[in-house]
């Protein structure tokens, strides 16, 4: 998304990338949704954005379904 608008780039780097890096898939998904609805995107960029949204939804779902960490015996 090198030729994307500054707003799209900001959402990508400060929202999506940061959210994924720290496991906050909800934040990443919100930022990616803002990217996908940006009118400046070209059709191929929109398709990639939609694919990433589906991946983020799956990651968020997997994170919610993950077993809780074991607690040490006391």
PDB file of N, CA and C in Angstrom:
ATOM      1  N   UNK A   1       0.833  -1.188   0.000  1.00  0.00           N
ATOM      2  CA  UNK A   1       0.000   0.000   0.000  1.00  0.00           C
ATOM      3  C   UNK A   1       0.874   1.246   0.000  1.00  0.00           C
ATOM      4  N   UNK A   2       1.922   1.154  -0.758  1.00  0.00           N
ATOM      5  CA  UNK A   2       2.878   2.251  -0.836  1.00  0.00           C
ATOM      6  C   UNK A   2       2.222   3.496  -1.405  1.00  0.00           C
ATOM      7  N   UNK A   3       1.344   3.331  -2.398  1.00  0.00           N
ATOM      8  CA  UNK A   3       0.715   4.492  -3.018  1.00  0.00           C
ATOM      9  C   UNK A   3      -0.640   4.820  -2.392  1.00  0.00           C
ATOM     10  N   UNK A   4      -0.905   4.297  -1.209  1.00  0.00           N
ATOM     11  CA  UNK A   4      -2.163   4.565  -0.518  1.00  0.00           C
ATOM     12  C   UNK A   4      -2.118   5.940   0.146  1.00  0.00           C
ATOM     13  N   UNK A   5      -3.284   6.423   0.502  1.00  0.00           N
ATOM     14  CA  UNK A   5      -3.376   7.735   1.149  1.00  0.00           C
ATOM     15  C   UNK A   5      -2.684   7.712   2.509  1.00  0.00           C
ATOM     16  N   UNK A   6      -2.318   8.877   3.023  1.00  0.00           N
ATOM     17  CA  UNK A   6      -1.689   8.933   4.342  1.00  0.00           C
ATOM     18  C   UNK A   6      -2.574   8.338   5.447  1.00  0.00           C
ATOM     19  N   UNK A   7      -3.889   8.508   5.331  1.00  0.00           N
ATOM     20  CA  UNK A   7      -4.796   7.945   6.337  1.00  0.00           C
ATOM     21  C   UNK A   7      -4.756   6.421   6.312  1.00  0.00           C
ATOM     22  N   UNK A   8      -4.739   5.846   5.127  1.00  0.00           N
ATOM     23  CA  UNK A   8      -4.664   4.384   4.998  1.00  0.00           C
ATOM     24  C   UNK A   8      -3.337   3.891   5.559  1.00  0.00           C
ATOM     25  N   UNK A   9      -2.259   4.560   5.223  1.00  0.00           N
ATOM     26  CA  UNK A   9      -0.950   4.162   5.728  1.00  0.00           C
ATOM     27  C   UNK A   9      -0.896   4.248   7.244  1.00  0.00           C
ATOM     28  N   UNK A  10      -1.471   5.298   7.806  1.00  0.00           N
ATOM     29  CA  UNK A  10      -1.491   5.448   9.257  1.00  0.00           C
ATOM     30  C   UNK A  10      -2.281   4.317   9.910  1.00  0.00           C
ATOM     31  N   UNK A  11      -3.454   4.005   9.352  1.00  0.00           N
ATOM     32  CA  UNK A  11      -4.253   2.903   9.903  1.00  0.00           C
ATOM     33  C   UNK A  11      -3.509   1.580   9.797  1.00  0.00           C
ATOM     34  N   UNK A  12      -2.790   1.392   8.702  1.00  0.00           N
ATOM     35  CA  UNK A  12      -2.053   0.149   8.513  1.00  0.00           C
ATOM     36  C   UNK A  12      -0.935   0.002   9.539  1.00  0.00           C
ATOM     37  N   UNK A  13      -0.113   1.027   9.667  1.00  0.00           N
ATOM     38  CA  UNK A  13       1.056   0.926  10.539  1.00  0.00           C
ATOM     39  C   UNK A  13       0.720   1.114  12.019  1.00  0.00           C
ATOM     40  N   UNK A  14      -0.168   2.047  12.324  1.00  0.00           N
ATOM     41  CA  UNK A  14      -0.467   2.341  13.726  1.00  0.00           C
ATOM     42  C   UNK A  14      -1.643   1.547  14.280  1.00  0.00           C
ATOM     43  N   UNK A  15      -2.464   0.995  13.415  1.00  0.00           N
ATOM     44  CA  UNK A  15      -3.613   0.232  13.874  1.00  0.00           C
ATOM     45  C   UNK A  15      -3.436  -1.252  13.641  1.00  0.00           C
ATOM     46  N   UNK A  16      -3.321  -1.642  12.388  1.00  0.00           N
ATOM     47  CA  UNK A  16      -3.250  -3.062  12.050  1.00  0.00           C
ATOM     48  C   UNK A  16      -1.939  -3.678  12.547  1.00  0.00           C
ATOM     49  N   UNK A  17      -0.837  -3.109  12.132  1.00  0.00           N
ATOM     50  CA  UNK A  17       0.467  -3.678  12.492  1.00  0.00           C
ATOM     51  C   UNK A  17       0.661  -3.716  14.004  1.00  0.00           C
ATOM     52  N   UNK A  18       0.345  -2.633  14.667  1.00  0.00           N
ATOM     53  CA  UNK A  18       0.493  -2.552  16.122  1.00  0.00           C
ATOM     54  C   UNK A  18      -0.436  -3.551  16.809  1.00  0.00           C
ATOM     55  N   UNK A  19      -1.691  -3.623  16.346  1.00  0.00           N
ATOM     56  CA  UNK A  19      -2.650  -4.541  16.948  1.00  0.00           C
ATOM     57  C   UNK A  19      -2.224  -5.993  16.800  1.00  0.00           C
ATOM     58  N   UNK A  20      -1.765  -6.365  15.624  1.00  0.00           N
ATOM     59  CA  UNK A  20      -1.319  -7.739  15.401  1.00  0.00           C
ATOM     60  C   UNK A  20      -0.083  -8.029  16.242  1.00  0.00           C
ATOM     61  N   UNK A  21       0.823  -7.086  16.268  1.00  0.00           N
ATOM     62  CA  UNK A  21       2.080  -7.287  17.013  1.00  0.00           C
ATOM     63  C   UNK A  21       1.823  -7.606  18.478  1.00  0.00           C
ATOM     64  N   UNK A  22       0.827  -6.946  19.068  1.00  0.00           N
ATOM     65  CA  UNK A  22       0.561  -7.131  20.486  1.00  0.00           C
ATOM     66  C   UNK A  22      -0.683  -7.975  20.761  1.00  0.00           C
ATOM     67  N   UNK A  23      -1.149  -8.690  19.746  1.00  0.00           N
ATOM     68  CA  UNK A  23      -2.254  -9.616  19.936  1.00  0.00           C
ATOM     69  C   UNK A  23      -3.605  -8.969  20.148  1.00  0.00           C
ATOM     70  N   UNK A  24      -3.729  -7.693  19.795  1.00  0.00           N
ATOM     71  CA  UNK A  24      -5.005  -6.997  19.925  1.00  0.00           C
ATOM     72  C   UNK A  24      -5.699  -7.030  18.563  1.00  0.00           C
ATOM     73  N   UNK A  25      -6.306  -8.177  18.273  1.00  0.00           N
ATOM     74  CA  UNK A  25      -6.902  -8.374  16.956  1.00  0.00           C
ATOM     75  C   UNK A  25      -8.150  -7.533  16.756  1.00  0.00           C
ATOM     76  N   UNK A  26      -8.818  -7.173  17.825  1.00  0.00           N
ATOM     77  CA  UNK A  26      -9.993  -6.303  17.705  1.00  0.00           C
ATOM     78  C   UNK A  26      -9.571  -4.931  17.195  1.00  0.00           C
ATOM     79  N   UNK A  27      -8.508  -4.387  17.759  1.00  0.00           N
ATOM     80  CA  UNK A  27      -7.985  -3.095  17.306  1.00  0.00           C
ATOM     81  C   UNK A  27      -7.522  -3.198  15.859  1.00  0.00           C
ATOM     82  N   UNK A  28      -6.817  -4.264  15.541  1.00  0.00           N
ATOM     83  CA  UNK A  28      -6.326  -4.450  14.181  1.00  0.00           C
ATOM     84  C   UNK A  28      -7.485  -4.567  13.196  1.00  0.00           C
ATOM     85  N   UNK A  29      -8.530  -5.260  13.603  1.00  0.00           N
ATOM     86  CA  UNK A  29      -9.700  -5.439  12.740  1.00  0.00           C
ATOM     87  C   UNK A  29     -10.413  -4.113  12.497  1.00  0.00           C
ATOM     88  N   UNK A  30     -10.539  -3.299  13.532  1.00  0.00           N
ATOM     89  CA  UNK A  30     -11.164  -1.984  13.375  1.00  0.00           C
ATOM     90  C   UNK A  30     -10.363  -1.112  12.410  1.00  0.00           C
ATOM     91  N   UNK A  31      -9.054  -1.122  12.560  1.00  0.00           N
ATOM     92  CA  UNK A  31      -8.201  -0.321  11.674  1.00  0.00           C
ATOM     93  C   UNK A  31      -8.266  -0.855  10.240  1.00  0.00           C
ATOM     94  N   UNK A  32      -8.302  -2.169  10.098  1.00  0.00           N
ATOM     95  CA  UNK A  32      -8.365  -2.754   8.757  1.00  0.00           C
ATOM     96  C   UNK A  32      -9.703  -2.458   8.112  1.00  0.00           C
ATOM     97  N   UNK A  33     -10.761  -2.415   8.896  1.00  0.00           N
ATOM     98  CA  UNK A  33     -12.079  -2.071   8.364  1.00  0.00           C
ATOM     99  C   UNK A  33     -12.075  -0.635   7.845  1.00  0.00           C
ATOM    100  N   UNK A  34     -11.412   0.260   8.572  1.00  0.00           N
ATOM    101  CA  UNK A  34     -11.310   1.646   8.122  1.00  0.00           C
ATOM    102  C   UNK A  34     -10.531   1.721   6.804  1.00  0.00           C
ATOM    103  N   UNK A  35      -9.530   0.887   6.661  1.00  0.00           N
ATOM    104  CA  UNK A  35      -8.761   0.850   5.421  1.00  0.00           C
ATOM    105  C   UNK A  35      -9.633   0.342   4.276  1.00  0.00           C
ATOM    106  N   UNK A  36     -10.352  -0.745   4.524  1.00  0.00           N
ATOM    107  CA  UNK A  36     -11.149  -1.383   3.469  1.00  0.00           C
ATOM    108  C   UNK A  36     -12.257  -0.480   2.946  1.00  0.00           C
ATOM    109  N   UNK A  37     -12.731   0.431   3.777  1.00  0.00           N
ATOM    110  CA  UNK A  37     -13.811   1.327   3.349  1.00  0.00           C
ATOM    111  C   UNK A  37     -13.301   2.659   2.807  1.00  0.00           C
ATOM    112  N   UNK A  38     -11.991   2.823   2.741  1.00  0.00           N
ATOM    113  CA  UNK A  38     -11.421   4.061   2.213  1.00  0.00           C
ATOM    114  C   UNK A  38     -11.669   4.152   0.706  1.00  0.00           C
ATOM    115  N   UNK A  39     -12.271   5.235   0.247  1.00  0.00           N
ATOM    116  CA  UNK A  39     -12.602   5.350  -1.182  1.00  0.00           C
ATOM    117  C   UNK A  39     -11.383   5.482  -2.099  1.00  0.00           C
ATOM    118  N   UNK A  40     -10.220   5.761  -1.547  1.00  0.00           N
ATOM    119  CA  UNK A  40      -9.036   5.926  -2.387  1.00  0.00           C
ATOM    120  C   UNK A  40      -8.413   4.588  -2.805  1.00  0.00           C
ATOM    121  N   UNK A  41      -8.869   3.479  -2.231  1.00  0.00           N
ATOM    122  CA  UNK A  41      -8.293   2.184  -2.576  1.00  0.00           C
ATOM    123  C   UNK A  41      -8.641   1.764  -3.994  1.00  0.00           C
ATOM    124  N   UNK A  42      -7.679   1.133  -4.626  1.00  0.00           N
ATOM    125  CA  UNK A  42      -7.903   0.539  -5.933  1.00  0.00           C
ATOM    126  C   UNK A  42      -8.577  -0.818  -5.719  1.00  0.00           C
ATOM    127  N   UNK A  43      -9.240  -1.365  -6.729  1.00  0.00           N
ATOM    128  CA  UNK A  43      -9.937  -2.644  -6.561  1.00  0.00           C
ATOM    129  C   UNK A  43      -9.047  -3.771  -6.022  1.00  0.00           C
ATOM    130  N   UNK A  44      -7.823  -3.865  -6.503  1.00  0.00           N
ATOM    131  CA  UNK A  44      -6.947  -4.934  -6.020  1.00  0.00           C
ATOM    132  C   UNK A  44      -6.544  -4.711  -4.560  1.00  0.00           C
ATOM    133  N   UNK A  45      -6.400  -3.437  -4.149  1.00  0.00           N
ATOM    134  CA  UNK A  45      -6.105  -3.135  -2.753  1.00  0.00           C
ATOM    135  C   UNK A  45      -7.303  -3.468  -1.870  1.00  0.00           C
ATOM    136  N   UNK A  46      -8.491  -3.177  -2.355  1.00  0.00           N
ATOM    137  CA  UNK A  46      -9.719  -3.491  -1.618  1.00  0.00           C
ATOM    138  C   UNK A  46      -9.831  -4.998  -1.414  1.00  0.00           C
ATOM    139  N   UNK A  47      -9.491  -5.774  -2.439  1.00  0.00           N
ATOM    140  CA  UNK A  47      -9.553  -7.233  -2.338  1.00  0.00           C
ATOM    141  C   UNK A  47      -8.573  -7.743  -1.277  1.00  0.00           C
ATOM    142  N   UNK A  48      -7.368  -7.213  -1.273  1.00  0.00           N
ATOM    143  CA  UNK A  48      -6.371  -7.606  -0.277  1.00  0.00           C
ATOM    144  C   UNK A  48      -6.854  -7.217   1.124  1.00  0.00           C
ATOM    145  N   UNK A  49      -7.411  -6.028   1.253  1.00  0.00           N
ATOM    146  CA  UNK A  49      -7.919  -5.572   2.549  1.00  0.00           C
ATOM    147  C   UNK A  49      -9.018  -6.503   3.052  1.00  0.00           C
ATOM    148  N   UNK A  50      -9.916  -6.906   2.171  1.00  0.00           N
ATOM    149  CA  UNK A  50     -10.989  -7.826   2.560  1.00  0.00           C
ATOM    150  C   UNK A  50     -10.422  -9.182   2.986  1.00  0.00           C
ATOM    151  N   UNK A  51      -9.400  -9.651   2.303  1.00  0.00           N
ATOM    152  CA  UNK A  51      -8.763 -10.921   2.682  1.00  0.00           C
ATOM    153  C   UNK A  51      -8.112 -10.822   4.061  1.00  0.00           C
ATOM    154  N   UNK A  52      -7.450  -9.708   4.324  1.00  0.00           N
ATOM    155  CA  UNK A  52      -6.812  -9.510   5.623  1.00  0.00           C
ATOM    156  C   UNK A  52      -7.874  -9.432   6.728  1.00  0.00           C
ATOM    157  N   UNK A  53      -9.000  -8.803   6.447  1.00  0.00           N
ATOM    158  CA  UNK A  53     -10.084  -8.743   7.427  1.00  0.00           C
ATOM    159  C   UNK A  53     -10.524 -10.149   7.815  1.00  0.00           C
ATOM    160  N   UNK A  54     -10.675 -11.025   6.842  1.00  0.00           N
ATOM    161  CA  UNK A  54     -11.076 -12.406   7.135  1.00  0.00           C
ATOM    162  C   UNK A  54     -10.020 -13.112   7.988  1.00  0.00           C
ATOM    163  N   UNK A  55      -8.749 -12.876   7.702  1.00  0.00           N
ATOM    164  CA  UNK A  55      -7.679 -13.473   8.506  1.00  0.00           C
ATOM    165  C   UNK A  55      -7.696 -12.943   9.940  1.00  0.00           C
ATOM    166  N   UNK A  56      -7.939 -11.648  10.090  1.00  0.00           N
ATOM    167  CA  UNK A  56      -7.996 -11.060  11.425  1.00  0.00           C
ATOM    168  C   UNK A  56      -9.196 -11.572  12.211  1.00  0.00           C
ATOM    169  N   UNK A  57     -10.321 -11.760  11.530  1.00  0.00           N
ATOM    170  CA  UNK A  57     -11.504 -12.328  12.204  1.00  0.00           C
ATOM    171  C   UNK A  57     -11.188 -13.725  12.725  1.00  0.00           C
ATOM    172  N   UNK A  58     -10.517 -14.522  11.904  1.00  0.00           N
ATOM    173  CA  UNK A  58     -10.151 -15.875  12.326  1.00  0.00           C
ATOM    174  C   UNK A  58      -9.185 -15.837  13.505  1.00  0.00           C
ATOM    175  N   UNK A  59      -8.211 -14.945  13.459  1.00  0.00           N
ATOM    176  CA  UNK A  59      -7.243 -14.825  14.552  1.00  0.00           C
ATOM    177  C   UNK A  59      -7.934 -14.394  15.839  1.00  0.00           C
ATOM    178  N   UNK A  60      -8.862 -13.456  15.740  1.00  0.00           N
ATOM    179  CA  UNK A  60      -9.595 -13.001  16.924  1.00  0.00           C
ATOM    180  C   UNK A  60     -10.444 -14.127  17.497  1.00  0.00           C
ATOM    181  N   UNK A  61     -11.078 -14.899  16.628  1.00  0.00           N
ATOM    182  CA  UNK A  61     -11.900 -16.024  17.070  1.00  0.00           C
ATOM    183  C   UNK A  61     -11.033 -17.084  17.750  1.00  0.00           C
ATOM    184  N   UNK A  62      -9.885 -17.387  17.165  1.00  0.00           N
ATOM    185  CA  UNK A  62      -8.970 -18.363  17.764  1.00  0.00           C
ATOM    186  C   UNK A  62      -8.463 -17.888  19.120  1.00  0.00           C
ATOM    187  N   UNK A  63      -8.230 -16.601  19.234  1.00  0.00           N
ATOM    188  CA  UNK A  63      -7.751 -16.041  20.492  1.00  0.00           C
ATOM    189  C   UNK A  63      -8.822 -16.164  21.569  1.00  0.00           C
ATOM    190  N   UNK A  64     -10.081 -15.949  21.214  1.00  0.00           N
ATOM    191  CA  UNK A  64     -11.182 -16.055  22.174  1.00  0.00           C
ATOM    192  C   UNK A  64     -11.397 -17.492  22.605  1.00  0.00           C
ATOM    193  N   UNK A  65     -11.140 -18.445  21.720  1.00  0.00           N
ATOM    194  CA  UNK A  65     -11.364 -19.851  22.013  1.00  0.00           C
ATOM    195  C   UNK A  65     -10.162 -20.556  22.616  1.00  0.00           C
ATOM    196  N   UNK A  66      -9.081 -19.843  22.770  1.00  0.00           N
ATOM    197  CA  UNK A  66      -7.864 -20.455  23.322  1.00  0.00           C
ATOM    198  C   UNK A  66      -8.086 -20.797  24.795  1.00  0.00           C
ATOM    199  N   UNK A  67      -7.535 -21.925  25.242  1.00  0.00           N
ATOM    200  CA  UNK A  67      -7.682 -22.277  26.658  1.00  0.00           C
ATOM    201  C   UNK A  67      -6.924 -21.288  27.550  1.00  0.00           C
ATOM    202  N   UNK A  68      -7.435 -21.085  28.715  1.00  0.00           N
ATOM    203  CA  UNK A  68      -6.790 -20.182  29.668  1.00  0.00           C
ATOM    204  C   UNK A  68      -5.469 -20.801  30.105  1.00  0.00           C
ATOM    205  N   UNK A  69      -4.479 -19.975  30.369  1.00  0.00           N
ATOM    206  CA  UNK A  69      -3.193 -20.501  30.842  1.00  0.00           C
ATOM    207  C   UNK A  69      -3.372 -21.245  32.170  1.00  0.00           C
ATOM    208  N   UNK A  70      -2.588 -22.264  32.369  1.00  0.00           N
ATOM    209  CA  UNK A  70      -2.656 -23.027  33.610  1.00  0.00           C
ATOM    210  C   UNK A  70      -2.201 -22.159  34.766  1.00  0.00           C
ATOM    211  N   UNK A  71      -2.860 -22.328  35.871  1.00  0.00           N
ATOM    212  CA  UNK A  71      -2.497 -21.603  37.088  1.00  0.00           C
ATOM    213  C   UNK A  71      -1.588 -22.494  37.936  1.00  0.00           C
ATOM    214  N   UNK A  72      -0.543 -21.935  38.534  1.00  0.00           N
ATOM    215  CA  UNK A  72       0.345 -22.747  39.366  1.00  0.00           C
ATOM    216  C   UNK A  72      -0.400 -23.260  40.597  1.00  0.00           C
ATOM    217  N   UNK A  73      -0.078 -24.464  41.005  1.00  0.00           N
ATOM    218  CA  UNK A  73      -0.711 -25.048  42.209  1.00  0.00           C
ATOM    219  C   UNK A  73      -0.207 -24.312  43.434  1.00  0.00           C
ATOM    220  N   UNK A  74      -1.097 -24.145  44.371  1.00  0.00           N
ATOM    221  CA  UNK A  74      -0.690 -23.428  45.595  1.00  0.00           C
ATOM    222  C   UNK A  74      -0.747 -24.337  46.769  1.00  0.00           C
TER     223      UNK A  74
END
